[in-house]
Amino acid sequence: MKLILLGAPGAGKGTVAKLLTAIDGSVQISTGDILRGAVQAGTELGKEANGYMTRGDLVPDSLIMGIMEKRLQEADCQKGFLLDGFPRTIPQAEALTELLAKLNIKLDMVADIDVPRDVIFDRLCTRRTCSNTDCQAIYNIKSNPTKVEGICDKCGSPAIQRADETEEAIGHRLDTYNEKTAPVAGFYEKKGLLKKITGTSSDVVVAAIKKQLGL
């Protein structure tokens, strides 16, 4: 499958993507994970992106599109891919359309995951992420806590609250999403690719996407 998953920060795109990859071997592509890895590694890209990400702002398209073109041509994308939270703006959507045409790739669907703002706020404020860039397991202090407080179950690294998941940063991210990213759904709706999926449960969202794809 070749999908784009849209939805506000905290809508569950990452979890849904991981469940979908298990179906046919498609690979999850999250620009956020790639960028956070670059920040941890201290690369030039990471240093440049870090200032934007800490504030909850969008990373410039010039950085993102270079990453995407390289990533989509890697061998593991041959079976399919799930773009997790990308594109985030109309210019990115237009640039991605050109890139996919250049690479002769056709999308199956764009799924817009719709979750209420108060649910998202609660999810993100209570989320904790493994600080090990090779792991990055996600937990929630309410619904899915670590067995030992503050320690990742999988690799033993600290499970931390990301700088962009404080209350102030979350509010800013959601406002930025509504202003710049929500219109991307309209872009794909005009192309006949968009399917709006409403649900707070990842299993419900995955089932709805599978039904749309005839799986």
C-alpha atoms as a PDB file:
ATOM      1  CA  MET A   1       0.000   0.000   0.000  1.00  0.00           C
ATOM      2  CA  LYS A   2       1.049   3.574  -0.662  1.00  0.00           C
ATOM      3  CA  LEU A   3      -0.724   5.875   1.770  1.00  0.00           C
ATOM      4  CA  ILE A   4      -0.568   9.306   3.329  1.00  0.00           C
ATOM      5  CA  LEU A   5      -1.842   9.541   6.912  1.00  0.00           C
ATOM      6  CA  LEU A   6      -3.071  13.011   7.865  1.00  0.00           C
ATOM      7  CA  GLY A   7      -4.309  14.176  11.263  1.00  0.00           C
ATOM      8  CA  ALA A   8      -3.364  16.564  14.040  1.00  0.00           C
ATOM      9  CA  PRO A   9      -0.361  15.843  16.316  1.00  0.00           C
ATOM     10  CA  GLY A  10      -1.510  13.099  18.688  1.00  0.00           C
ATOM     11  CA  ALA A  11      -4.233  11.763  16.361  1.00  0.00           C
ATOM     12  CA  GLY A  12      -2.541   8.361  16.422  1.00  0.00           C
ATOM     13  CA  LYS A  13      -0.919   8.407  12.973  1.00  0.00           C
ATOM     14  CA  GLY A  14       2.247   6.661  14.168  1.00  0.00           C
ATOM     15  CA  THR A  15       0.393   3.848  15.923  1.00  0.00           C
ATOM     16  CA  VAL A  16      -1.931   3.327  12.955  1.00  0.00           C
ATOM     17  CA  ALA A  17       1.046   3.292  10.577  1.00  0.00           C
ATOM     18  CA  LYS A  18       2.828   0.597  12.615  1.00  0.00           C
ATOM     19  CA  LEU A  19      -0.307  -1.591  12.579  1.00  0.00           C
ATOM     20  CA  LEU A  20      -0.730  -1.137   8.822  1.00  0.00           C
ATOM     21  CA  THR A  21       2.912  -1.996   8.023  1.00  0.00           C
ATOM     22  CA  ALA A  22       2.359  -5.411   9.575  1.00  0.00           C
ATOM     23  CA  ILE A  23      -0.250  -6.196   6.903  1.00  0.00           C
ATOM     24  CA  ASP A  24       1.870  -6.148   3.753  1.00  0.00           C
ATOM     25  CA  GLY A  25       5.412  -5.128   4.649  1.00  0.00           C
ATOM     26  CA  SER A  26       4.984  -1.481   3.729  1.00  0.00           C
ATOM     27  CA  VAL A  27       7.400   0.823   5.543  1.00  0.00           C
ATOM     28  CA  GLN A  28       6.415   3.694   7.849  1.00  0.00           C
ATOM     29  CA  ILE A  29       8.043   6.997   6.955  1.00  0.00           C
ATOM     30  CA  SER A  30       7.858   9.715   9.598  1.00  0.00           C
ATOM     31  CA  THR A  31       9.751  12.907   8.896  1.00  0.00           C
ATOM     32  CA  GLY A  32       9.506  13.655  12.613  1.00  0.00           C
ATOM     33  CA  ASP A  33      11.411  10.488  13.537  1.00  0.00           C
ATOM     34  CA  ILE A  34      14.029  11.145  10.849  1.00  0.00           C
ATOM     35  CA  LEU A  35      14.532  14.723  12.032  1.00  0.00           C
ATOM     36  CA  ARG A  36      14.645  13.809  15.736  1.00  0.00           C
ATOM     37  CA  GLY A  37      17.275  11.199  14.907  1.00  0.00           C
ATOM     38  CA  ALA A  38      19.328  13.864  13.123  1.00  0.00           C
ATOM     39  CA  VAL A  39      19.010  16.159  16.164  1.00  0.00           C
ATOM     40  CA  GLN A  40      20.203  13.406  18.524  1.00  0.00           C
ATOM     41  CA  ALA A  41      23.106  12.581  16.193  1.00  0.00           C
ATOM     42  CA  GLY A  42      24.099  16.249  16.017  1.00  0.00           C
ATOM     43  CA  THR A  43      24.165  16.368  12.206  1.00  0.00           C
ATOM     44  CA  GLU A  44      24.043  19.680  10.347  1.00  0.00           C
ATOM     45  CA  LEU A  45      20.439  18.927   9.369  1.00  0.00           C
ATOM     46  CA  GLY A  46      19.657  18.142  12.996  1.00  0.00           C
ATOM     47  CA  LYS A  47      21.162  21.379  14.273  1.00  0.00           C
ATOM     48  CA  GLU A  48      19.216  23.377  11.711  1.00  0.00           C
ATOM     49  CA  ALA A  49      15.949  21.571  12.427  1.00  0.00           C
ATOM     50  CA  ASN A  50      16.275  21.588  16.222  1.00  0.00           C
ATOM     51  CA  GLY A  51      15.363  25.234  16.703  1.00  0.00           C
ATOM     52  CA  TYR A  52      12.141  24.840  14.748  1.00  0.00           C
ATOM     53  CA  MET A  53      11.126  21.586  16.427  1.00  0.00           C
ATOM     54  CA  THR A  54      11.724  22.792  19.994  1.00  0.00           C
ATOM     55  CA  ARG A  55       9.356  25.701  19.386  1.00  0.00           C
ATOM     56  CA  GLY A  56       6.792  23.410  17.784  1.00  0.00           C
ATOM     57  CA  ASP A  57       7.196  25.184  14.437  1.00  0.00           C
ATOM     58  CA  LEU A  58       7.267  23.460  11.050  1.00  0.00           C
ATOM     59  CA  VAL A  59      10.681  22.570   9.640  1.00  0.00           C
ATOM     60  CA  PRO A  60      11.324  24.361   6.281  1.00  0.00           C
ATOM     61  CA  ASP A  61      10.335  22.559   3.086  1.00  0.00           C
ATOM     62  CA  SER A  62      13.873  22.724   1.708  1.00  0.00           C
ATOM     63  CA  LEU A  63      15.005  20.382   4.490  1.00  0.00           C
ATOM     64  CA  ILE A  64      11.993  18.092   4.307  1.00  0.00           C
ATOM     65  CA  MET A  65      11.766  17.515   0.547  1.00  0.00           C
ATOM     66  CA  GLY A  66      15.431  16.537   0.295  1.00  0.00           C
ATOM     67  CA  ILE A  67      14.873  13.928   2.993  1.00  0.00           C
ATOM     68  CA  MET A  68      11.741  12.592   1.282  1.00  0.00           C
ATOM     69  CA  GLU A  69      13.256  12.199  -2.192  1.00  0.00           C
ATOM     70  CA  LYS A  70      16.167  10.220  -0.771  1.00  0.00           C
ATOM     71  CA  ARG A  71      13.963   8.115   1.494  1.00  0.00           C
ATOM     72  CA  LEU A  72      11.368   7.095  -1.120  1.00  0.00           C
ATOM     73  CA  GLN A  73      14.098   5.667  -3.352  1.00  0.00           C
ATOM     74  CA  GLU A  74      15.492   3.357  -0.679  1.00  0.00           C
ATOM     75  CA  ALA A  75      14.976  -0.376  -1.244  1.00  0.00           C
ATOM     76  CA  ASP A  76      12.550  -0.945   1.635  1.00  0.00           C
ATOM     77  CA  CYS A  77       9.971   1.352   0.001  1.00  0.00           C
ATOM     78  CA  GLN A  78       9.498  -1.020  -2.946  1.00  0.00           C
ATOM     79  CA  LYS A  79       6.740  -2.958  -1.124  1.00  0.00           C
ATOM     80  CA  GLY A  80       4.917   0.244  -0.229  1.00  0.00           C
ATOM     81  CA  PHE A  81       5.065   3.079   2.267  1.00  0.00           C
ATOM     82  CA  LEU A  82       2.976   5.039   4.745  1.00  0.00           C
ATOM     83  CA  LEU A  83       3.764   8.732   4.986  1.00  0.00           C
ATOM     84  CA  ASP A  84       3.096   9.515   8.631  1.00  0.00           C
ATOM     85  CA  GLY A  85       2.096  13.183   9.043  1.00  0.00           C
ATOM     86  CA  PHE A  86       3.500  14.401   5.732  1.00  0.00           C
ATOM     87  CA  PRO A  87       2.852  16.603   3.789  1.00  0.00           C
ATOM     88  CA  ARG A  88       2.014  19.315   6.322  1.00  0.00           C
ATOM     89  CA  THR A  89       1.368  22.294   4.049  1.00  0.00           C
ATOM     90  CA  ILE A  90      -0.129  22.919   0.601  1.00  0.00           C
ATOM     91  CA  PRO A  91       3.320  23.757  -0.887  1.00  0.00           C
ATOM     92  CA  GLN A  92       4.648  20.449   0.508  1.00  0.00           C
ATOM     93  CA  ALA A  93       1.641  18.604  -0.969  1.00  0.00           C
ATOM     94  CA  GLU A  94       2.309  20.215  -4.351  1.00  0.00           C
ATOM     95  CA  ALA A  95       6.030  19.388  -4.119  1.00  0.00           C
ATOM     96  CA  LEU A  96       5.236  15.804  -3.107  1.00  0.00           C
ATOM     97  CA  THR A  97       2.834  15.432  -6.054  1.00  0.00           C
ATOM     98  CA  GLU A  98       5.666  16.479  -8.388  1.00  0.00           C
ATOM     99  CA  LEU A  99       8.143  14.183  -6.631  1.00  0.00           C
ATOM    100  CA  LEU A 100       5.847  11.129  -6.843  1.00  0.00           C
ATOM    101  CA  ALA A 101       5.217  11.808 -10.546  1.00  0.00           C
ATOM    102  CA  LYS A 102       8.983  12.073 -11.080  1.00  0.00           C
ATOM    103  CA  LEU A 103       9.509   8.729  -9.317  1.00  0.00           C
ATOM    104  CA  ASN A 104       6.480   7.171 -11.091  1.00  0.00           C
ATOM    105  CA  ILE A 105       4.717   6.406  -7.795  1.00  0.00           C
ATOM    106  CA  LYS A 106       0.910   6.407  -7.487  1.00  0.00           C
ATOM    107  CA  LEU A 107      -0.844   6.865  -4.127  1.00  0.00           C
ATOM    108  CA  ASP A 108      -3.634   4.466  -3.113  1.00  0.00           C
ATOM    109  CA  MET A 109      -5.315   6.783  -0.621  1.00  0.00           C
ATOM    110  CA  VAL A 110      -4.953   9.717   1.758  1.00  0.00           C
ATOM    111  CA  ALA A 111      -6.505   8.957   5.184  1.00  0.00           C
ATOM    112  CA  ASP A 112      -7.415  11.930   7.380  1.00  0.00           C
ATOM    113  CA  ILE A 113      -7.667  10.737  11.001  1.00  0.00           C
ATOM    114  CA  ASP A 114     -10.109  12.976  12.901  1.00  0.00           C
ATOM    115  CA  VAL A 115      -9.762  13.092  16.723  1.00  0.00           C
ATOM    116  CA  PRO A 116     -11.247  15.749  19.096  1.00  0.00           C
ATOM    117  CA  ARG A 117      -8.816  18.446  20.325  1.00  0.00           C
ATOM    118  CA  ASP A 118      -9.340  17.668  24.030  1.00  0.00           C
ATOM    119  CA  VAL A 119      -8.477  13.995  23.455  1.00  0.00           C
ATOM    120  CA  ILE A 120      -5.304  14.970  21.584  1.00  0.00           C
ATOM    121  CA  PHE A 121      -4.256  17.425  24.310  1.00  0.00           C
ATOM    122  CA  ASP A 122      -4.615  14.758  27.003  1.00  0.00           C
ATOM    123  CA  ARG A 123      -2.739  12.169  24.924  1.00  0.00           C
ATOM    124  CA  LEU A 124       0.242  14.381  24.201  1.00  0.00           C
ATOM    125  CA  CYS A 125       0.621  15.877  27.681  1.00  0.00           C
ATOM    126  CA  THR A 126       0.830  12.361  29.131  1.00  0.00           C
ATOM    127  CA  ARG A 127       2.998  10.827  26.381  1.00  0.00           C
ATOM    128  CA  ARG A 128       6.565   9.719  27.037  1.00  0.00           C
ATOM    129  CA  THR A 129       9.093   8.683  24.361  1.00  0.00           C
ATOM    130  CA  CYS A 130      12.214   6.541  24.670  1.00  0.00           C
ATOM    131  CA  SER A 131      15.261   8.817  24.338  1.00  0.00           C
ATOM    132  CA  ASN A 132      17.225   6.130  22.445  1.00  0.00           C
ATOM    133  CA  THR A 133      16.997   7.085  18.731  1.00  0.00           C
ATOM    134  CA  ASP A 134      17.278   3.415  17.731  1.00  0.00           C
ATOM    135  CA  CYS A 135      14.222   2.566  19.842  1.00  0.00           C
ATOM    136  CA  GLN A 136      11.901   5.572  20.352  1.00  0.00           C
ATOM    137  CA  ALA A 137       9.148   3.421  21.894  1.00  0.00           C
ATOM    138  CA  ILE A 138       6.137   5.493  22.926  1.00  0.00           C
ATOM    139  CA  TYR A 139       4.363   5.249  26.279  1.00  0.00           C
ATOM    140  CA  ASN A 140       1.582   7.059  28.102  1.00  0.00           C
ATOM    141  CA  ILE A 141       1.689   7.636  31.863  1.00  0.00           C
ATOM    142  CA  LYS A 142      -2.103   7.041  32.023  1.00  0.00           C
ATOM    143  CA  SER A 143      -2.921   4.359  29.465  1.00  0.00           C
ATOM    144  CA  ASN A 144       0.403   2.653  28.734  1.00  0.00           C
ATOM    145  CA  PRO A 145       3.006   3.417  31.445  1.00  0.00           C
ATOM    146  CA  THR A 146       6.509   1.964  31.581  1.00  0.00           C
ATOM    147  CA  LYS A 147       6.960  -0.929  34.016  1.00  0.00           C
ATOM    148  CA  VAL A 148       9.625   1.090  35.826  1.00  0.00           C
ATOM    149  CA  GLU A 149       8.776   4.790  35.991  1.00  0.00           C
ATOM    150  CA  GLY A 150      10.767   6.802  33.468  1.00  0.00           C
ATOM    151  CA  ILE A 151      12.596   3.768  32.002  1.00  0.00           C
ATOM    152  CA  CYS A 152      11.863   2.248  28.586  1.00  0.00           C
ATOM    153  CA  ASP A 153      10.627  -1.359  28.829  1.00  0.00           C
ATOM    154  CA  LYS A 154      12.382  -2.345  25.609  1.00  0.00           C
ATOM    155  CA  CYS A 155      15.918  -0.970  25.921  1.00  0.00           C
ATOM    156  CA  GLY A 156      16.280   0.532  29.413  1.00  0.00           C
ATOM    157  CA  SER A 157      16.916   4.097  28.225  1.00  0.00           C
ATOM    158  CA  PRO A 158      15.134   7.071  29.858  1.00  0.00           C
ATOM    159  CA  ALA A 159      11.528   7.565  28.709  1.00  0.00           C
ATOM    160  CA  ILE A 160      11.106  11.335  28.521  1.00  0.00           C
ATOM    161  CA  GLN A 161       8.587  14.060  27.786  1.00  0.00           C
ATOM    162  CA  ARG A 162       9.654  15.621  24.487  1.00  0.00           C
ATOM    163  CA  ALA A 163      10.293  19.371  24.448  1.00  0.00           C
ATOM    164  CA  ASP A 164       7.457  19.824  21.957  1.00  0.00           C
ATOM    165  CA  GLU A 165       4.961  17.992  24.198  1.00  0.00           C
ATOM    166  CA  THR A 166       4.692  20.502  27.018  1.00  0.00           C
ATOM    167  CA  GLU A 167       1.250  22.163  27.333  1.00  0.00           C
ATOM    168  CA  GLU A 168       2.479  25.411  25.772  1.00  0.00           C
ATOM    169  CA  ALA A 169       4.186  23.681  22.843  1.00  0.00           C
ATOM    170  CA  ILE A 170       1.190  21.381  22.232  1.00  0.00           C
ATOM    171  CA  GLY A 171      -1.182  24.348  22.044  1.00  0.00           C
ATOM    172  CA  HIS A 172       1.152  26.019  19.565  1.00  0.00           C
ATOM    173  CA  ARG A 173       1.466  22.838  17.476  1.00  0.00           C
ATOM    174  CA  LEU A 174      -2.303  22.390  17.265  1.00  0.00           C
ATOM    175  CA  ASP A 175      -2.811  26.034  16.272  1.00  0.00           C
ATOM    176  CA  THR A 176      -0.089  25.657  13.631  1.00  0.00           C
ATOM    177  CA  TYR A 177      -1.756  22.461  12.392  1.00  0.00           C
ATOM    178  CA  ASN A 178      -5.181  24.082  12.055  1.00  0.00           C
ATOM    179  CA  GLU A 179      -3.717  27.043  10.197  1.00  0.00           C
ATOM    180  CA  LYS A 180      -1.270  25.320   7.855  1.00  0.00           C
ATOM    181  CA  THR A 181      -1.892  21.571   7.747  1.00  0.00           C
ATOM    182  CA  ALA A 182      -5.663  21.083   7.923  1.00  0.00           C
ATOM    183  CA  PRO A 183      -6.074  22.641   4.423  1.00  0.00           C
ATOM    184  CA  VAL A 184      -3.942  19.785   2.992  1.00  0.00           C
ATOM    185  CA  ALA A 185      -6.999  17.525   3.387  1.00  0.00           C
ATOM    186  CA  GLY A 186      -8.875  19.799   0.982  1.00  0.00           C
ATOM    187  CA  PHE A 187      -6.008  19.558  -1.511  1.00  0.00           C
ATOM    188  CA  TYR A 188      -6.312  15.756  -1.641  1.00  0.00           C
ATOM    189  CA  GLU A 189     -10.111  15.827  -1.519  1.00  0.00           C
ATOM    190  CA  LYS A 190     -10.098  17.736  -4.817  1.00  0.00           C
ATOM    191  CA  LYS A 191      -7.893  14.981  -6.264  1.00  0.00           C
ATOM    192  CA  GLY A 192     -10.384  12.323  -5.147  1.00  0.00           C
ATOM    193  CA  LEU A 193      -7.858  10.633  -2.860  1.00  0.00           C
ATOM    194  CA  LEU A 194      -9.093  11.696   0.588  1.00  0.00           C
ATOM    195  CA  LYS A 195     -11.006   9.501   3.031  1.00  0.00           C
ATOM    196  CA  LYS A 196     -11.906  10.976   6.431  1.00  0.00           C
ATOM    197  CA  ILE A 197     -11.615   8.426   9.239  1.00  0.00           C
ATOM    198  CA  THR A 198     -13.191   9.314  12.596  1.00  0.00           C
ATOM    199  CA  GLY A 199     -12.165   7.347  15.685  1.00  0.00           C
ATOM    200  CA  THR A 200     -10.112   7.538  18.871  1.00  0.00           C
ATOM    201  CA  SER A 201      -9.179   3.835  18.743  1.00  0.00           C
ATOM    202  CA  SER A 202      -6.276   2.804  16.493  1.00  0.00           C
ATOM    203  CA  ASP A 203      -7.937  -0.553  15.799  1.00  0.00           C
ATOM    204  CA  VAL A 204     -11.114   1.182  14.570  1.00  0.00           C
ATOM    205  CA  VAL A 205      -9.076   3.486  12.311  1.00  0.00           C
ATOM    206  CA  VAL A 206      -7.028   0.591  10.883  1.00  0.00           C
ATOM    207  CA  ALA A 207     -10.193  -1.437  10.193  1.00  0.00           C
ATOM    208  CA  ALA A 208     -11.738   1.529   8.373  1.00  0.00           C
ATOM    209  CA  ILE A 209      -8.621   2.026   6.233  1.00  0.00           C
ATOM    210  CA  LYS A 210      -8.432  -1.687   5.381  1.00  0.00           C
ATOM    211  CA  LYS A 211     -12.087  -1.602   4.323  1.00  0.00           C
ATOM    212  CA  GLN A 212     -11.463   1.380   2.046  1.00  0.00           C
ATOM    213  CA  LEU A 213      -8.520  -0.446   0.446  1.00  0.00           C
ATOM    214  CA  GLY A 214     -10.466  -3.697   0.084  1.00  0.00           C
ATOM    215  CA  LEU A 215      -8.096  -5.624   2.358  1.00  0.00           C
END
